[in-house]
């Protein structure tokens, strides 16, 4: 959202870094759910990170292992999804009066955004 708001003056390096992080975080969300529902083994999760987040094997193995003990493993992506939904709802409510930065500053002024899985 920061890059969309103009942070970094459209630097393509920042956008590429953002996309790389997004791939990793999306993989975390998928692997966390599959690991905890026994639909994926740690080894399968490591391969998933290698294939979908383009991670080196050692880093992929670390991420896969982290998925079984870190409860905050998937919250970044889940929180982002909630914020994007809030922004879309705000945009719909505001119609032609919508200004992206205004909606996001209103959301970020909130003390805490809670979510349930």
Protein backbone atom coordinates (compact mmCIF):
# COMPACT_ATOMS: atom_id res chain seq x y z
CA UNK A 1 0.00 0.00 0.00
CA UNK A 2 2.92 2.34 0.67
CA UNK A 3 4.26 1.98 -2.85
CA UNK A 4 0.77 2.60 -4.24
CA UNK A 5 0.64 5.80 -2.19
CA UNK A 6 3.86 7.04 -3.78
CA UNK A 7 6.55 5.93 -1.32
CA UNK A 8 9.89 5.37 -3.06
CA UNK A 9 9.10 7.43 -6.14
CA UNK A 10 8.19 4.33 -8.21
CA UNK A 11 11.61 2.74 -7.68
CA UNK A 12 11.45 -0.65 -9.48
CA UNK A 13 13.90 -2.14 -6.95
CA UNK A 14 11.41 -1.49 -4.15
CA UNK A 15 8.60 -3.01 -6.19
CA UNK A 16 10.67 -6.12 -6.92
CA UNK A 17 11.58 -6.49 -3.24
CA UNK A 18 7.92 -6.06 -2.32
CA UNK A 19 6.87 -8.78 -4.74
CA UNK A 20 9.54 -11.17 -3.44
CA UNK A 21 8.37 -10.64 0.12
CA UNK A 22 4.75 -11.08 -0.96
CA UNK A 23 5.58 -14.44 -2.57
CA UNK A 24 7.26 -15.62 0.62
CA UNK A 25 4.39 -14.45 2.81
CA UNK A 26 1.79 -16.04 0.54
CA UNK A 27 3.73 -19.30 0.75
CA UNK A 28 3.79 -18.95 4.54
CA UNK A 29 0.01 -18.62 4.63
CA UNK A 30 -0.51 -21.70 2.46
CA UNK A 31 2.10 -23.81 4.25
CA UNK A 32 0.91 -22.83 7.73
CA UNK A 33 -2.60 -23.99 7.00
CA UNK A 34 -1.48 -27.18 5.28
CA UNK A 35 1.12 -28.03 7.92
CA UNK A 36 -1.38 -27.66 10.76
CA UNK A 37 -4.12 -29.60 8.98
CA UNK A 38 -1.67 -32.39 8.19
CA UNK A 39 -2.12 -31.83 4.45
CA UNK A 40 1.61 -31.13 4.02
CA UNK A 41 4.83 -32.40 5.58
CA UNK A 42 7.76 -30.17 6.53
CA UNK A 43 9.69 -31.54 3.56
CA UNK A 44 6.80 -30.75 1.21
CA UNK A 45 6.56 -27.24 2.67
CA UNK A 46 10.28 -26.71 2.06
CA UNK A 47 9.88 -27.78 -1.58
CA UNK A 48 6.87 -25.46 -1.85
CA UNK A 49 9.01 -22.51 -0.74
CA UNK A 50 11.74 -23.47 -3.22
CA UNK A 51 9.31 -23.81 -6.12
CA UNK A 52 6.93 -20.93 -5.43
CA UNK A 53 8.98 -18.35 -3.50
CA UNK A 54 12.22 -19.19 -5.35
CA UNK A 55 14.08 -19.67 -2.08
CA UNK A 56 17.40 -21.45 -1.67
CA UNK A 57 17.03 -24.93 -0.09
CA UNK A 58 18.47 -23.90 3.30
CA UNK A 59 16.21 -20.84 3.60
CA UNK A 60 13.21 -22.87 2.38
CA UNK A 61 13.85 -25.55 5.01
CA UNK A 62 14.08 -22.87 7.72
CA UNK A 63 10.77 -21.31 6.61
CA UNK A 64 9.09 -24.72 6.57
CA UNK A 65 10.27 -25.55 10.09
CA UNK A 66 9.23 -22.11 11.31
CA UNK A 67 5.70 -22.87 10.16
CA UNK A 68 5.22 -25.46 12.89
CA UNK A 69 6.20 -23.33 15.88
CA UNK A 70 5.60 -19.64 15.06
CA UNK A 71 1.97 -18.63 15.62
CA UNK A 72 2.50 -15.31 13.83
CA UNK A 73 3.72 -17.06 10.69
CA UNK A 74 0.66 -16.29 8.59
CA UNK A 75 -0.67 -13.13 10.23
CA UNK A 76 1.06 -10.61 7.94
CA UNK A 77 -0.68 -11.89 4.82
CA UNK A 78 -3.95 -12.43 6.64
CA UNK A 79 -3.80 -8.90 8.03
CA UNK A 80 -3.00 -7.50 4.60
CA UNK A 81 -6.00 -9.29 3.14
CA UNK A 82 -8.22 -7.79 5.86
CA UNK A 83 -6.83 -4.28 5.26
CA UNK A 84 -7.36 -4.59 1.50
CA UNK A 85 -10.96 -5.66 2.15
CA UNK A 86 -11.47 -2.73 4.54
CA UNK A 87 -10.05 -0.35 1.93
CA UNK A 88 -12.35 -1.79 -0.75
CA UNK A 89 -15.36 -1.42 1.55
CA UNK A 90 -14.37 2.17 2.35
CA UNK A 91 -13.88 2.92 -1.36
CA UNK A 92 -17.34 1.54 -2.12
CA UNK A 93 -18.89 3.61 0.67
CA UNK A 94 -17.10 6.80 -0.44
CA UNK A 95 -17.73 6.33 -4.17
CA UNK A 96 -16.28 9.17 -6.24
CA UNK A 97 -15.18 10.94 -3.04
CA UNK A 98 -12.67 8.15 -2.27
CA UNK A 99 -9.06 9.17 -1.70
CA UNK A 100 -6.77 6.19 -1.06
CA UNK A 101 -4.43 7.88 1.43
CA UNK A 102 -7.39 9.17 3.46
CA UNK A 103 -8.88 5.70 3.84
CA UNK A 104 -5.59 4.13 4.79
CA UNK A 105 -4.76 6.80 7.33
CA UNK A 106 -8.18 6.21 8.90
CA UNK A 107 -7.51 2.50 9.12
CA UNK A 108 -4.01 2.91 10.52
CA UNK A 109 -5.28 5.26 13.23
CA UNK A 110 -7.13 2.28 14.71
CA UNK A 111 -5.49 0.90 17.82
CA UNK A 112 -5.71 -2.73 16.77
CA UNK A 113 -7.22 -4.69 13.93
CA UNK A 114 -8.34 -8.10 15.15
CA UNK A 115 -9.16 -11.12 13.05
CA UNK A 116 -10.34 -14.66 13.43
CA UNK A 117 -9.34 -17.72 11.47
